[in-house]
Amino acid sequence: MALPISDATASELASSCAVTVTFSGGTPSPNCATYDPVTHLFHFNLPVARTLTPGPYTVGVVVRVGGAIVASGSGSTTVR
């Protein structure tokens, strides 16, 4: 289990675009996550093209500090 980070650190990561989102259906640009200090969560509204073929896709998140990946994760979603 990961340890929580401070709101200040999370806000700094978000403001420097150190938390990015990838999508196997076409990575959006810009792909920087935002941070909400009230909910203590990173957010990203993933735009999905209406022309995208229905089916399974992977959404990923990468966190970089000083250019090095310090955390990453991904999950599956289905576009209908």
N, C-alpha and C. Protein backbone atom coordinates (compact mmCIF):
# COMPACT_ATOMS: atom_id res chain seq x y z
N MET A 1 0.84 -1.18 0.00
CA MET A 1 0.00 0.00 0.00
C MET A 1 0.89 1.24 0.00
N ALA A 2 0.51 2.20 -0.82
CA ALA A 2 1.28 3.44 -0.93
C ALA A 2 0.95 4.37 0.24
N LEU A 3 1.93 5.18 0.60
CA LEU A 3 1.72 6.17 1.65
C LEU A 3 1.18 7.45 1.03
N PRO A 4 0.31 8.16 1.73
CA PRO A 4 -0.21 9.42 1.18
C PRO A 4 0.89 10.48 1.10
N ILE A 5 0.71 11.40 0.17
CA ILE A 5 1.63 12.53 0.06
C ILE A 5 0.88 13.79 0.48
N SER A 6 1.62 14.83 0.80
CA SER A 6 0.98 16.07 1.25
C SER A 6 0.28 16.76 0.09
N ASP A 7 -0.70 17.62 0.43
CA ASP A 7 -1.38 18.40 -0.59
C ASP A 7 -0.39 19.28 -1.34
N ALA A 8 0.60 19.82 -0.63
CA ALA A 8 1.60 20.68 -1.27
C ALA A 8 2.40 19.89 -2.31
N THR A 9 2.82 18.69 -1.96
CA THR A 9 3.58 17.86 -2.89
C THR A 9 2.71 17.46 -4.08
N ALA A 10 1.48 17.06 -3.82
CA ALA A 10 0.57 16.66 -4.89
C ALA A 10 0.29 17.84 -5.82
N SER A 11 0.07 19.01 -5.26
CA SER A 11 -0.18 20.20 -6.08
C SER A 11 1.03 20.54 -6.94
N GLU A 12 2.22 20.39 -6.37
CA GLU A 12 3.45 20.65 -7.12
C GLU A 12 3.61 19.66 -8.27
N LEU A 13 3.32 18.39 -8.00
CA LEU A 13 3.39 17.37 -9.06
C LEU A 13 2.42 17.71 -10.19
N ALA A 14 1.20 18.08 -9.83
CA ALA A 14 0.20 18.41 -10.85
C ALA A 14 0.58 19.66 -11.63
N SER A 15 1.03 20.68 -10.94
CA SER A 15 1.35 21.94 -11.63
C SER A 15 2.55 21.82 -12.55
N SER A 16 3.42 20.85 -12.29
CA SER A 16 4.58 20.63 -13.17
C SER A 16 4.34 19.53 -14.19
N CYS A 17 3.10 19.07 -14.30
CA CYS A 17 2.72 18.01 -15.25
C CYS A 17 3.53 16.74 -15.02
N ALA A 18 3.81 16.43 -13.76
CA ALA A 18 4.55 15.22 -13.42
C ALA A 18 3.64 14.00 -13.32
N VAL A 19 2.33 14.23 -13.32
CA VAL A 19 1.35 13.14 -13.28
C VAL A 19 0.62 13.16 -14.63
N THR A 20 0.91 12.16 -15.45
CA THR A 20 0.35 12.14 -16.79
C THR A 20 -0.50 10.90 -17.03
N VAL A 21 -1.42 11.02 -17.98
CA VAL A 21 -2.37 9.96 -18.30
C VAL A 21 -2.10 9.47 -19.72
N THR A 22 -2.14 8.16 -19.89
CA THR A 22 -2.02 7.56 -21.22
C THR A 22 -3.30 6.78 -21.52
N PHE A 23 -3.56 6.61 -22.80
CA PHE A 23 -4.77 5.89 -23.21
C PHE A 23 -4.43 5.13 -24.49
N SER A 24 -4.68 3.84 -24.49
CA SER A 24 -4.32 3.03 -25.65
C SER A 24 -5.15 3.37 -26.88
N GLY A 25 -6.22 4.12 -26.71
CA GLY A 25 -7.03 4.57 -27.83
C GLY A 25 -6.56 5.89 -28.40
N GLY A 26 -5.41 6.37 -27.92
CA GLY A 26 -4.86 7.65 -28.38
C GLY A 26 -4.61 8.55 -27.19
N THR A 27 -3.36 8.72 -26.82
CA THR A 27 -3.03 9.53 -25.65
C THR A 27 -3.39 10.99 -25.92
N PRO A 28 -4.18 11.58 -25.03
CA PRO A 28 -4.59 12.97 -25.22
C PRO A 28 -3.43 13.95 -25.02
N SER A 29 -3.61 15.14 -25.57
CA SER A 29 -2.62 16.19 -25.40
C SER A 29 -3.35 17.50 -25.13
N PRO A 30 -3.09 18.16 -24.02
CA PRO A 30 -2.15 17.75 -22.98
C PRO A 30 -2.73 16.58 -22.17
N ASN A 31 -1.85 15.89 -21.49
CA ASN A 31 -2.29 14.73 -20.71
C ASN A 31 -1.90 14.84 -19.24
N CYS A 32 -1.89 16.06 -18.73
CA CYS A 32 -1.52 16.31 -17.33
C CYS A 32 -2.74 16.20 -16.41
N ALA A 33 -2.58 15.49 -15.32
CA ALA A 33 -3.65 15.39 -14.33
C ALA A 33 -3.66 16.65 -13.46
N THR A 34 -4.81 16.96 -12.91
CA THR A 34 -4.93 18.06 -11.95
C THR A 34 -5.08 17.45 -10.57
N TYR A 35 -4.95 18.26 -9.54
CA TYR A 35 -5.08 17.77 -8.17
C TYR A 35 -6.12 18.61 -7.43
N ASP A 36 -6.98 17.94 -6.68
CA ASP A 36 -8.00 18.61 -5.87
C ASP A 36 -7.64 18.43 -4.40
N PRO A 37 -7.20 19.50 -3.72
CA PRO A 37 -6.80 19.38 -2.32
C PRO A 37 -7.97 19.13 -1.37
N VAL A 38 -9.18 19.35 -1.81
CA VAL A 38 -10.35 19.08 -0.97
C VAL A 38 -10.62 17.58 -0.90
N THR A 39 -10.58 16.91 -2.06
CA THR A 39 -10.84 15.47 -2.10
C THR A 39 -9.56 14.64 -1.97
N HIS A 40 -8.39 15.33 -2.10
CA HIS A 40 -7.08 14.67 -2.05
C HIS A 40 -6.92 13.64 -3.17
N LEU A 41 -7.43 14.00 -4.35
CA LEU A 41 -7.38 13.11 -5.50
C LEU A 41 -6.86 13.84 -6.73
N PHE A 42 -6.15 13.09 -7.58
CA PHE A 42 -5.78 13.60 -8.89
C PHE A 42 -6.95 13.33 -9.82
N HIS A 43 -7.15 14.21 -10.80
CA HIS A 43 -8.26 14.08 -11.74
C HIS A 43 -7.78 14.27 -13.16
N PHE A 44 -8.50 13.63 -14.07
CA PHE A 44 -8.26 13.83 -15.49
C PHE A 44 -9.53 13.46 -16.24
N ASN A 45 -10.04 14.37 -17.05
CA ASN A 45 -11.19 14.08 -17.90
C ASN A 45 -10.66 13.59 -19.24
N LEU A 46 -10.87 12.32 -19.49
CA LEU A 46 -10.33 11.68 -20.69
C LEU A 46 -11.28 11.87 -21.86
N PRO A 47 -10.86 12.65 -22.87
CA PRO A 47 -11.70 12.80 -24.04
C PRO A 47 -11.60 11.54 -24.91
N VAL A 48 -12.74 11.04 -25.33
CA VAL A 48 -12.78 9.85 -26.18
C VAL A 48 -13.48 10.22 -27.48
N ALA A 49 -12.80 10.00 -28.59
CA ALA A 49 -13.36 10.33 -29.90
C ALA A 49 -14.60 9.48 -30.17
N ARG A 50 -15.61 10.09 -30.73
CA ARG A 50 -16.83 9.36 -31.08
C ARG A 50 -16.56 8.30 -32.15
N THR A 51 -15.47 8.45 -32.86
CA THR A 51 -15.13 7.50 -33.92
C THR A 51 -14.29 6.33 -33.40
N LEU A 52 -13.99 6.32 -32.11
CA LEU A 52 -13.17 5.24 -31.54
C LEU A 52 -13.93 3.92 -31.62
N THR A 53 -13.27 2.90 -32.08
CA THR A 53 -13.89 1.58 -32.20
C THR A 53 -14.24 1.04 -30.81
N PRO A 54 -15.48 0.57 -30.62
CA PRO A 54 -15.85 -0.01 -29.33
C PRO A 54 -14.94 -1.20 -28.99
N GLY A 55 -14.66 -1.35 -27.71
CA GLY A 55 -13.84 -2.46 -27.27
C GLY A 55 -13.02 -2.11 -26.04
N PRO A 56 -12.14 -3.01 -25.62
CA PRO A 56 -11.33 -2.78 -24.43
C PRO A 56 -10.13 -1.87 -24.72
N TYR A 57 -9.81 -1.02 -23.76
CA TYR A 57 -8.67 -0.11 -23.84
C TYR A 57 -8.00 -0.04 -22.48
N THR A 58 -6.77 0.46 -22.47
CA THR A 58 -6.02 0.61 -21.24
C THR A 58 -5.80 2.09 -20.94
N VAL A 59 -6.07 2.46 -19.69
CA VAL A 59 -5.80 3.81 -19.20
C VAL A 59 -4.66 3.68 -18.21
N GLY A 60 -3.63 4.51 -18.36
CA GLY A 60 -2.48 4.45 -17.47
C GLY A 60 -2.18 5.80 -16.85
N VAL A 61 -1.48 5.75 -15.74
CA VAL A 61 -1.01 6.96 -15.06
C VAL A 61 0.47 6.76 -14.75
N VAL A 62 1.26 7.81 -15.03
CA VAL A 62 2.69 7.77 -14.76
C VAL A 62 3.05 9.01 -13.94
N VAL A 63 3.83 8.80 -12.88
CA VAL A 63 4.31 9.91 -12.05
C VAL A 63 5.83 9.96 -12.19
N ARG A 64 6.31 11.15 -12.56
CA ARG A 64 7.76 11.34 -12.74
C ARG A 64 8.26 12.42 -11.78
N VAL A 65 9.43 12.18 -11.23
CA VAL A 65 10.11 13.18 -10.40
C VAL A 65 11.53 13.29 -10.95
N GLY A 66 11.91 14.49 -11.36
CA GLY A 66 13.24 14.67 -11.94
C GLY A 66 13.44 13.84 -13.20
N GLY A 67 12.36 13.58 -13.92
CA GLY A 67 12.44 12.80 -15.15
C GLY A 67 12.36 11.30 -14.95
N ALA A 68 12.54 10.83 -13.72
CA ALA A 68 12.49 9.39 -13.43
C ALA A 68 11.07 8.98 -13.04
N ILE A 69 10.64 7.84 -13.53
CA ILE A 69 9.32 7.31 -13.15
C ILE A 69 9.41 6.80 -11.71
N VAL A 70 8.55 7.35 -10.84
CA VAL A 70 8.54 6.94 -9.44
C VAL A 70 7.29 6.14 -9.09
N ALA A 71 6.28 6.20 -9.95
CA ALA A 71 5.06 5.42 -9.74
C ALA A 71 4.32 5.32 -11.07
N SER A 72 3.63 4.22 -11.25
CA SER A 72 2.80 4.05 -12.44
C SER A 72 1.76 2.99 -12.17
N GLY A 73 0.74 3.02 -12.97
CA GLY A 73 -0.32 2.03 -12.84
C GLY A 73 -1.22 2.12 -14.05
N SER A 74 -2.00 1.09 -14.26
CA SER A 74 -2.93 1.09 -15.39
C SER A 74 -4.14 0.22 -15.06
N GLY A 75 -5.16 0.42 -15.84
CA GLY A 75 -6.38 -0.36 -15.68
C GLY A 75 -7.10 -0.44 -17.02
N SER A 76 -8.02 -1.35 -17.09
CA SER A 76 -8.77 -1.57 -18.32
C SER A 76 -10.13 -0.90 -18.25
N THR A 77 -10.59 -0.46 -19.40
CA THR A 77 -11.92 0.09 -19.52
C THR A 77 -12.48 -0.36 -20.86
N THR A 78 -13.78 -0.32 -20.99
CA THR A 78 -14.42 -0.71 -22.25
C THR A 78 -15.17 0.49 -22.82
N VAL A 79 -14.90 0.77 -24.08
CA VAL A 79 -15.62 1.83 -24.79
C VAL A 79 -16.75 1.15 -25.55
N ARG A 80 -17.96 1.68 -25.39
CA ARG A 80 -19.14 1.08 -26.05
C ARG A 80 -19.68 1.98 -27.11
